[in-house]
Amino acid sequence: MSYICEKCGKAIVAGRSQRHGRGVAGKRWKKRAPKTLRLFKPNLQKVMVISDGKKVSMRLCAKCLKRFKKDKQIPSYKKLALG
């Protein structure tokens, strides 16, 4: 199963990370630090959601989870943890 939010379609994005932009203590280095490739992953949670009166298991990002809670489509956390 791919790492994608089932509601909004948010997925893994590739980018670069740089360990240090400037040199130590403000001095410039002759060679800059290498930029390495990395992955930015969405914060996915596996949740039971009520849709059309039925409980359905979905993988949602944190933003969609917040939206679903606001719309009362997700039961309370105590019920979620037990069920």
N, C-alpha and C. Protein backbone atom coordinates (compact mmCIF):
# COMPACT_ATOMS: atom_id res chain seq x y z
N MET A 1 0.84 -1.18 0.00
CA MET A 1 0.00 0.00 0.00
C MET A 1 0.88 1.24 0.00
N SER A 2 0.57 2.19 -0.85
CA SER A 2 1.41 3.37 -0.98
C SER A 2 1.20 4.33 0.18
N TYR A 3 2.13 5.23 0.34
CA TYR A 3 2.14 6.18 1.45
C TYR A 3 1.43 7.46 1.02
N ILE A 4 0.09 7.38 0.89
CA ILE A 4 -0.71 8.51 0.40
C ILE A 4 -1.94 8.67 1.27
N CYS A 5 -2.32 9.92 1.57
CA CYS A 5 -3.55 10.20 2.30
C CYS A 5 -4.74 9.86 1.39
N GLU A 6 -5.71 9.12 1.94
CA GLU A 6 -6.85 8.68 1.14
C GLU A 6 -7.87 9.79 0.89
N LYS A 7 -7.78 10.89 1.63
CA LYS A 7 -8.73 12.00 1.46
C LYS A 7 -8.20 13.06 0.50
N CYS A 8 -7.03 13.61 0.79
CA CYS A 8 -6.52 14.75 0.00
C CYS A 8 -5.47 14.34 -1.03
N GLY A 9 -4.91 13.13 -0.91
CA GLY A 9 -3.91 12.68 -1.88
C GLY A 9 -2.50 13.15 -1.58
N LYS A 10 -2.27 13.66 -0.37
CA LYS A 10 -0.92 14.10 0.01
C LYS A 10 0.02 12.90 0.03
N ALA A 11 1.20 13.04 -0.57
CA ALA A 11 2.12 11.91 -0.71
C ALA A 11 3.54 12.33 -0.37
N ILE A 12 4.46 11.39 -0.53
CA ILE A 12 5.88 11.65 -0.28
C ILE A 12 6.41 12.61 -1.33
N VAL A 13 7.23 13.58 -0.87
CA VAL A 13 7.84 14.55 -1.77
C VAL A 13 9.35 14.49 -1.58
N ALA A 14 10.09 14.49 -2.68
CA ALA A 14 11.55 14.46 -2.61
C ALA A 14 12.08 15.89 -2.53
N GLY A 15 13.16 16.06 -1.78
CA GLY A 15 13.76 17.38 -1.64
C GLY A 15 15.22 17.23 -1.25
N ARG A 16 15.79 18.33 -0.80
CA ARG A 16 17.20 18.32 -0.40
C ARG A 16 17.34 18.88 1.00
N SER A 17 18.31 18.35 1.73
CA SER A 17 18.64 18.90 3.03
C SER A 17 20.10 19.30 3.01
N GLN A 18 20.41 20.41 3.68
CA GLN A 18 21.79 20.89 3.74
C GLN A 18 22.19 20.93 5.20
N ARG A 19 23.28 20.33 5.53
CA ARG A 19 23.67 20.19 6.93
C ARG A 19 24.06 21.53 7.54
N HIS A 20 24.82 22.33 6.83
CA HIS A 20 25.19 23.65 7.34
C HIS A 20 25.42 24.57 6.16
N GLY A 21 24.75 25.69 6.15
CA GLY A 21 24.87 26.62 5.03
C GLY A 21 26.18 27.39 5.09
N ARG A 22 26.49 27.91 6.28
CA ARG A 22 27.73 28.67 6.43
C ARG A 22 28.77 27.82 7.13
N GLY A 23 29.99 28.31 7.18
CA GLY A 23 31.06 27.59 7.84
C GLY A 23 30.95 27.70 9.35
N VAL A 24 31.88 27.10 10.04
CA VAL A 24 31.89 27.10 11.49
C VAL A 24 32.20 28.51 12.00
N ALA A 25 31.45 28.98 12.96
CA ALA A 25 31.65 30.28 13.62
C ALA A 25 31.66 31.44 12.63
N GLY A 26 30.85 31.35 11.59
CA GLY A 26 30.69 32.46 10.66
C GLY A 26 31.75 32.56 9.58
N LYS A 27 32.80 31.74 9.66
CA LYS A 27 33.83 31.78 8.63
C LYS A 27 33.40 30.94 7.45
N ARG A 28 33.80 31.35 6.26
CA ARG A 28 33.42 30.61 5.05
C ARG A 28 34.37 29.45 4.82
N TRP A 29 33.81 28.35 4.42
CA TRP A 29 34.64 27.22 4.03
C TRP A 29 34.95 27.33 2.56
N LYS A 30 36.02 26.70 2.15
CA LYS A 30 36.36 26.72 0.73
C LYS A 30 35.33 25.92 -0.05
N LYS A 31 34.92 24.79 0.50
CA LYS A 31 33.89 23.98 -0.14
C LYS A 31 32.64 24.01 0.72
N ARG A 32 31.51 24.22 0.09
CA ARG A 32 30.25 24.22 0.83
C ARG A 32 29.85 22.80 1.18
N ALA A 33 28.99 22.67 2.16
CA ALA A 33 28.50 21.35 2.56
C ALA A 33 27.62 20.78 1.47
N PRO A 34 27.70 19.48 1.24
CA PRO A 34 26.89 18.88 0.17
C PRO A 34 25.41 18.86 0.53
N LYS A 35 24.59 19.03 -0.49
CA LYS A 35 23.15 18.93 -0.32
C LYS A 35 22.77 17.48 -0.61
N THR A 36 22.15 16.84 0.35
CA THR A 36 21.79 15.44 0.18
C THR A 36 20.29 15.31 -0.07
N LEU A 37 19.93 14.31 -0.85
CA LEU A 37 18.52 14.07 -1.13
C LEU A 37 17.85 13.46 0.09
N ARG A 38 16.59 13.83 0.31
CA ARG A 38 15.82 13.26 1.40
C ARG A 38 14.36 13.23 1.00
N LEU A 39 13.55 12.54 1.80
CA LEU A 39 12.12 12.42 1.54
C LEU A 39 11.34 13.13 2.63
N PHE A 40 10.32 13.88 2.24
CA PHE A 40 9.41 14.52 3.17
C PHE A 40 8.13 13.69 3.17
N LYS A 41 7.83 13.04 4.29
CA LYS A 41 6.68 12.15 4.37
C LYS A 41 5.53 12.84 5.11
N PRO A 42 4.29 12.62 4.65
CA PRO A 42 3.14 13.16 5.37
C PRO A 42 2.91 12.39 6.67
N ASN A 43 2.31 13.05 7.64
CA ASN A 43 2.01 12.44 8.93
C ASN A 43 0.72 11.65 8.81
N LEU A 44 0.83 10.37 8.40
CA LEU A 44 -0.35 9.53 8.18
C LEU A 44 -0.73 8.76 9.43
N GLN A 45 -2.05 8.70 9.68
CA GLN A 45 -2.60 7.96 10.81
C GLN A 45 -3.66 7.00 10.30
N LYS A 46 -3.69 5.80 10.86
CA LYS A 46 -4.73 4.83 10.49
C LYS A 46 -5.90 5.04 11.44
N VAL A 47 -7.08 5.36 10.87
CA VAL A 47 -8.22 5.77 11.68
C VAL A 47 -9.49 5.09 11.18
N MET A 48 -10.42 4.82 12.13
CA MET A 48 -11.74 4.34 11.76
C MET A 48 -12.65 5.56 11.58
N VAL A 49 -13.24 5.70 10.40
CA VAL A 49 -14.06 6.86 10.06
C VAL A 49 -15.49 6.39 9.80
N ILE A 50 -16.46 7.19 10.23
CA ILE A 50 -17.86 6.88 9.96
C ILE A 50 -18.26 7.55 8.66
N SER A 51 -18.62 6.75 7.65
CA SER A 51 -19.10 7.31 6.39
C SER A 51 -20.33 6.52 5.96
N ASP A 52 -21.42 7.22 5.71
CA ASP A 52 -22.71 6.61 5.35
C ASP A 52 -23.19 5.62 6.41
N GLY A 53 -22.93 5.93 7.67
CA GLY A 53 -23.37 5.07 8.77
C GLY A 53 -22.53 3.84 8.99
N LYS A 54 -21.45 3.65 8.23
CA LYS A 54 -20.58 2.49 8.36
C LYS A 54 -19.20 2.94 8.82
N LYS A 55 -18.54 2.08 9.60
CA LYS A 55 -17.16 2.37 10.01
C LYS A 55 -16.21 1.85 8.94
N VAL A 56 -15.32 2.75 8.48
CA VAL A 56 -14.36 2.41 7.44
C VAL A 56 -12.97 2.78 7.93
N SER A 57 -11.99 1.90 7.70
CA SER A 57 -10.61 2.18 8.08
C SER A 57 -9.93 2.98 6.96
N MET A 58 -9.32 4.11 7.31
CA MET A 58 -8.66 4.96 6.33
C MET A 58 -7.30 5.39 6.85
N ARG A 59 -6.41 5.75 5.92
CA ARG A 59 -5.12 6.36 6.27
C ARG A 59 -5.23 7.84 5.93
N LEU A 60 -5.23 8.69 6.97
CA LEU A 60 -5.42 10.12 6.78
C LEU A 60 -4.20 10.88 7.29
N CYS A 61 -3.90 12.02 6.63
CA CYS A 61 -2.85 12.90 7.13
C CYS A 61 -3.42 13.66 8.33
N ALA A 62 -2.55 14.28 9.10
CA ALA A 62 -2.96 14.96 10.33
C ALA A 62 -3.94 16.11 10.04
N LYS A 63 -3.76 16.79 8.93
CA LYS A 63 -4.65 17.90 8.59
C LYS A 63 -6.07 17.42 8.29
N CYS A 64 -6.17 16.32 7.53
CA CYS A 64 -7.49 15.75 7.23
C CYS A 64 -8.12 15.17 8.49
N LEU A 65 -7.31 14.59 9.36
CA LEU A 65 -7.80 14.04 10.62
C LEU A 65 -8.45 15.14 11.45
N LYS A 66 -7.80 16.30 11.48
CA LYS A 66 -8.33 17.45 12.20
C LYS A 66 -9.66 17.90 11.60
N ARG A 67 -9.75 17.91 10.27
CA ARG A 67 -10.97 18.29 9.58
C ARG A 67 -12.11 17.31 9.86
N PHE A 68 -11.78 16.00 9.85
CA PHE A 68 -12.78 14.97 10.11
C PHE A 68 -13.32 15.08 11.53
N LYS A 69 -12.42 15.37 12.50
CA LYS A 69 -12.86 15.52 13.89
C LYS A 69 -13.81 16.71 14.02
N LYS A 70 -13.50 17.78 13.32
CA LYS A 70 -14.33 18.98 13.38
C LYS A 70 -15.73 18.70 12.80
N ASP A 71 -15.79 17.87 11.77
CA ASP A 71 -17.08 17.54 11.14
C ASP A 71 -17.79 16.39 11.84
N LYS A 72 -17.21 15.91 12.96
CA LYS A 72 -17.80 14.82 13.76
C LYS A 72 -17.94 13.52 12.98
N GLN A 73 -17.00 13.24 12.09
CA GLN A 73 -17.00 11.98 11.35
C GLN A 73 -16.15 10.92 12.02
N ILE A 74 -15.43 11.32 13.07
CA ILE A 74 -14.60 10.37 13.79
C ILE A 74 -15.09 10.32 15.23
N PRO A 75 -15.34 9.11 15.78
CA PRO A 75 -15.76 9.01 17.18
C PRO A 75 -14.66 9.48 18.12
N SER A 76 -14.98 9.63 19.38
CA SER A 76 -14.01 10.15 20.35
C SER A 76 -12.80 9.22 20.45
N TYR A 77 -11.68 9.76 20.95
CA TYR A 77 -10.43 9.00 21.01
C TYR A 77 -10.54 7.78 21.93
N LYS A 78 -11.33 7.87 23.01
CA LYS A 78 -11.46 6.74 23.93
C LYS A 78 -12.09 5.55 23.22
N LYS A 79 -13.11 5.81 22.42
CA LYS A 79 -13.75 4.75 21.65
C LYS A 79 -12.81 4.24 20.56
N LEU A 80 -12.04 5.15 19.98
CA LEU A 80 -11.10 4.79 18.91
C LEU A 80 -10.03 3.84 19.43
N ALA A 81 -9.48 4.12 20.60
CA ALA A 81 -8.40 3.32 21.14
C ALA A 81 -8.87 1.90 21.45
N LEU A 82 -10.09 1.76 21.93
CA LEU A 82 -10.60 0.43 22.28
C LEU A 82 -11.08 -0.33 21.06
N GLY A 83 -11.67 0.36 20.09
CA GLY A 83 -12.25 -0.32 18.94
C GLY A 83 -11.31 -0.36 17.85
